[in-house]
Protein backbone atom coordinates (compact mmCIF):
# COMPACT_ATOMS: atom_id res chain seq x y z
CA MET A 1 15.60 4.83 -11.22
CA ALA A 2 15.22 7.80 -8.86
CA ASP A 3 13.89 10.99 -10.43
CA ASP A 4 14.12 13.20 -7.36
CA ALA A 5 13.82 12.82 -3.61
CA ASN A 6 10.05 12.32 -3.84
CA THR A 7 9.51 10.40 -7.08
CA GLU A 8 10.79 7.18 -8.65
CA THR A 9 10.16 5.77 -12.10
CA TRP A 10 9.89 2.01 -12.48
CA THR A 11 10.04 0.27 -15.84
CA LEU A 12 8.27 -3.08 -16.05
CA ASP A 13 9.43 -6.02 -18.16
CA ASP A 14 6.88 -5.08 -20.82
CA GLY A 15 8.30 -1.52 -21.02
CA LYS A 16 5.45 0.20 -19.18
CA LYS A 17 6.64 3.04 -16.98
CA LEU A 18 5.19 3.63 -13.55
CA THR A 19 5.72 6.50 -11.14
CA LEU A 20 6.03 6.04 -7.39
CA ARG A 21 5.48 9.06 -5.16
CA HIS A 22 3.85 10.23 -1.96
CA ILE A 23 0.10 10.68 -2.08
CA THR A 24 -1.27 14.23 -1.80
CA PRO A 25 -4.71 15.77 -1.18
CA ASP A 26 -4.89 16.45 -4.93
CA ASP A 27 -5.02 12.67 -5.44
CA ALA A 28 -8.47 12.29 -3.86
CA GLY A 29 -10.12 11.70 -7.24
CA ILE A 30 -7.70 9.03 -8.42
CA GLU A 31 -7.66 7.38 -4.97
CA GLN A 32 -11.46 7.10 -5.01
CA ALA A 33 -11.41 5.82 -8.60
CA PHE A 34 -8.77 3.26 -7.61
CA VAL A 35 -10.88 1.91 -4.73
CA ARG A 36 -14.03 1.82 -6.88
CA LYS A 37 -12.20 -0.10 -9.61
CA LEU A 38 -10.89 -2.80 -7.24
CA SER A 39 -12.81 -6.05 -7.43
CA ALA A 40 -15.27 -6.69 -4.61
CA GLN A 41 -12.90 -9.38 -3.32
CA SER A 42 -9.87 -7.05 -3.35
CA ARG A 43 -11.84 -4.36 -1.51
CA TYR A 44 -12.98 -6.93 1.05
CA MET A 45 -9.45 -8.25 1.57
CA ARG A 46 -8.00 -4.73 1.91
CA PHE A 47 -10.68 -3.15 4.09
CA HIS A 48 -11.89 -6.32 5.87
CA GLY A 49 -15.42 -5.41 4.91
CA THR A 50 -17.72 -4.70 2.01
CA ILE A 51 -17.31 -1.17 0.74
CA LYS A 52 -17.83 0.27 -2.72
CA GLU A 53 -15.94 3.51 -2.17
CA LEU A 54 -14.23 5.50 0.55
CA ASN A 55 -16.33 7.78 2.71
CA LYS A 56 -15.32 11.47 2.78
CA LYS A 57 -13.47 11.18 6.09
CA ASP A 58 -11.40 8.14 5.02
CA LEU A 59 -10.69 9.68 1.63
CA ALA A 60 -9.38 12.85 3.30
CA THR A 61 -7.32 10.83 5.80
CA PHE A 62 -5.87 8.55 3.11
CA THR A 63 -4.87 11.40 0.78
CA ASN A 64 -3.59 13.75 3.47
CA PRO A 65 -1.62 11.61 5.92
CA ASP A 66 -0.21 13.37 8.98
CA PRO A 67 3.48 13.69 8.08
CA LEU A 68 4.51 13.26 11.71
CA ASN A 69 2.98 9.81 12.13
CA ALA A 70 1.92 8.42 8.77
CA GLU A 71 3.13 7.96 5.23
CA ALA A 72 1.44 6.85 2.01
CA LEU A 73 2.96 6.00 -1.36
CA ILE A 74 1.13 5.49 -4.63
CA ILE A 75 2.08 3.92 -7.94
CA LEU A 76 0.75 5.72 -11.02
CA TYR A 77 0.50 4.70 -14.66
CA LYS A 78 -0.01 7.07 -17.54
CA GLY A 79 -0.80 5.43 -20.87
CA GLU A 80 1.63 6.01 -23.70
CA LYS A 81 -1.01 6.55 -26.41
CA ASN A 82 -2.45 9.90 -25.39
CA GLU A 83 -0.48 12.68 -23.71
CA ASP A 84 -3.74 14.11 -22.33
CA GLU A 85 -4.62 10.82 -20.64
CA ASP A 86 -4.87 11.09 -16.87
CA GLU A 87 -2.63 9.11 -14.58
CA GLU A 88 -4.22 6.02 -13.11
CA GLU A 89 -3.43 4.80 -9.60
CA VAL A 90 -2.39 1.15 -9.73
CA GLY A 91 -1.16 0.60 -6.18
CA VAL A 92 -0.93 2.18 -2.75
CA ALA A 93 0.85 1.38 0.49
CA ARG A 94 0.77 3.24 3.75
CA PHE A 95 1.78 3.04 7.34
CA VAL A 96 0.68 4.74 10.53
CA ILE A 97 3.21 4.97 13.35
CA ASP A 98 2.20 3.41 16.67
CA PRO A 99 1.90 5.71 19.72
CA ASP A 100 5.18 4.31 21.11
CA ASN A 101 7.02 5.39 17.90
CA GLN A 102 8.65 1.94 17.73
CA GLY A 103 6.29 0.26 15.28
CA CYS A 104 3.90 1.04 12.48
CA GLU A 105 0.85 -0.59 10.98
CA PHE A 106 0.86 -1.02 7.22
CA ALA A 107 -1.74 -1.49 4.51
CA ILE A 108 -1.11 -2.27 0.86
CA VAL A 109 -3.16 -3.01 -2.24
CA VAL A 110 -2.40 -3.32 -5.95
CA ALA A 111 -5.10 -3.01 -8.61
CA ASP A 112 -6.41 -6.38 -9.75
CA GLU A 113 -5.15 -6.08 -13.32
CA TRP A 114 -1.67 -5.08 -12.10
CA GLN A 115 -1.19 -7.96 -9.67
CA GLU A 116 1.32 -10.78 -10.25
CA ARG A 117 3.96 -8.34 -11.61
CA GLY A 118 6.02 -7.87 -8.46
CA LEU A 119 4.62 -4.40 -7.77
CA GLY A 120 3.40 -5.27 -4.28
CA ALA A 121 6.78 -6.60 -3.17
CA LYS A 122 8.62 -3.63 -4.64
CA LEU A 123 6.16 -1.17 -3.09
CA MET A 124 6.39 -2.89 0.29
CA GLN A 125 10.20 -2.82 0.19
CA VAL A 126 10.12 0.93 -0.46
CA LEU A 127 7.58 1.42 2.35
CA ILE A 128 9.78 -0.59 4.74
CA GLY A 129 12.75 1.56 3.70
CA HIS A 130 10.80 4.69 4.56
CA ALA A 131 9.80 3.22 7.93
CA LYS A 132 13.43 2.32 8.71
CA SER A 133 14.59 5.81 7.75
CA ARG A 134 12.18 7.18 10.35
CA GLY A 135 13.63 4.93 13.07
CA ILE A 136 10.73 2.46 13.10
CA LYS A 137 11.78 -0.91 14.52
CA ARG A 138 8.75 -3.04 13.60
CA ILE A 139 6.10 -3.09 10.89
CA HIS A 140 2.88 -4.99 11.40
CA GLY A 141 -0.59 -5.47 10.02
CA SER A 142 -3.63 -7.68 9.97
CA VAL A 143 -4.60 -10.08 7.21
CA LEU A 144 -7.83 -12.00 6.82
CA LYS A 145 -7.11 -15.70 7.34
CA ASP A 146 -8.75 -16.58 4.02
CA ASN A 147 -6.50 -14.15 2.10
CA SER A 148 -4.01 -16.79 0.93
CA ASP A 149 -2.30 -14.42 -1.54
CA MET A 150 -1.51 -11.91 1.20
CA ARG A 151 -0.40 -14.65 3.59
CA GLN A 152 2.06 -15.90 0.96
CA PHE A 153 3.15 -12.32 0.19
CA VAL A 154 4.04 -11.39 3.78
CA LYS A 155 5.73 -14.74 4.47
CA GLY A 156 7.87 -14.16 1.37
CA LEU A 157 8.91 -10.80 2.85
CA GLY A 158 9.92 -12.41 6.15
CA PHE A 159 6.93 -11.49 8.29
CA GLU A 160 5.99 -13.66 11.26
CA VAL A 161 2.34 -14.72 11.18
CA THR A 162 0.17 -15.48 14.22
CA VAL A 163 -3.57 -15.80 14.81
CA ASP A 164 -5.22 -12.74 16.36
CA PRO A 165 -6.20 -13.84 19.89
CA ASP A 166 -9.31 -11.64 19.67
CA ASP A 167 -10.49 -12.79 16.23
CA SER A 168 -9.57 -16.19 14.80
CA SER A 169 -10.51 -15.03 11.27
CA VAL A 170 -7.61 -12.53 11.33
CA LEU A 171 -3.88 -13.13 11.23
CA LEU A 172 -1.41 -10.71 12.76
CA VAL A 173 1.73 -10.20 10.66
CA ASN A 174 4.87 -8.73 12.10
CA LYS A 175 8.38 -7.96 10.87
CA TYR A 176 11.25 -6.58 12.92
CA LEU A 177 13.27 -4.10 10.90
CA GLY A 178 16.52 -4.29 12.82
CA GLU A 179 18.81 -1.41 13.63
């Protein structure tokens, strides 16, 4: 259900309500908490390396994307028990437009305890919709070869998968978005 041009509310099968919206600089705290809370494996699969938290530069870049050539969406959950409870980030997806303005590179991650609920697919579909609305013709990314969940995820969304000619441990995933 759309709340306004910038926010959507999603209701899960168990009745939990989530909010989808663009990330803002005010989200730096919840973005950092989100990354810290990811399992070591999820952080490794997302960032292709071992990090515990975002450095200041990446945190600023991730929470303040350049509106001309990047976009980032977050999914938030606010518990129903306590009105004063802070929102928790449970997923994020972003893209950065290529210099030729024809393609964009994406990244996506859903919190470990929120996986297997269809959030990643729904979030990716919204991100692809935003890319299409900006005239982007192709969305692409890189996936570690041993990330079988992500390989299955992108194949299910119709991405083509090839081995990176420069690094056999990485797969290049690519989807043409049509007209």
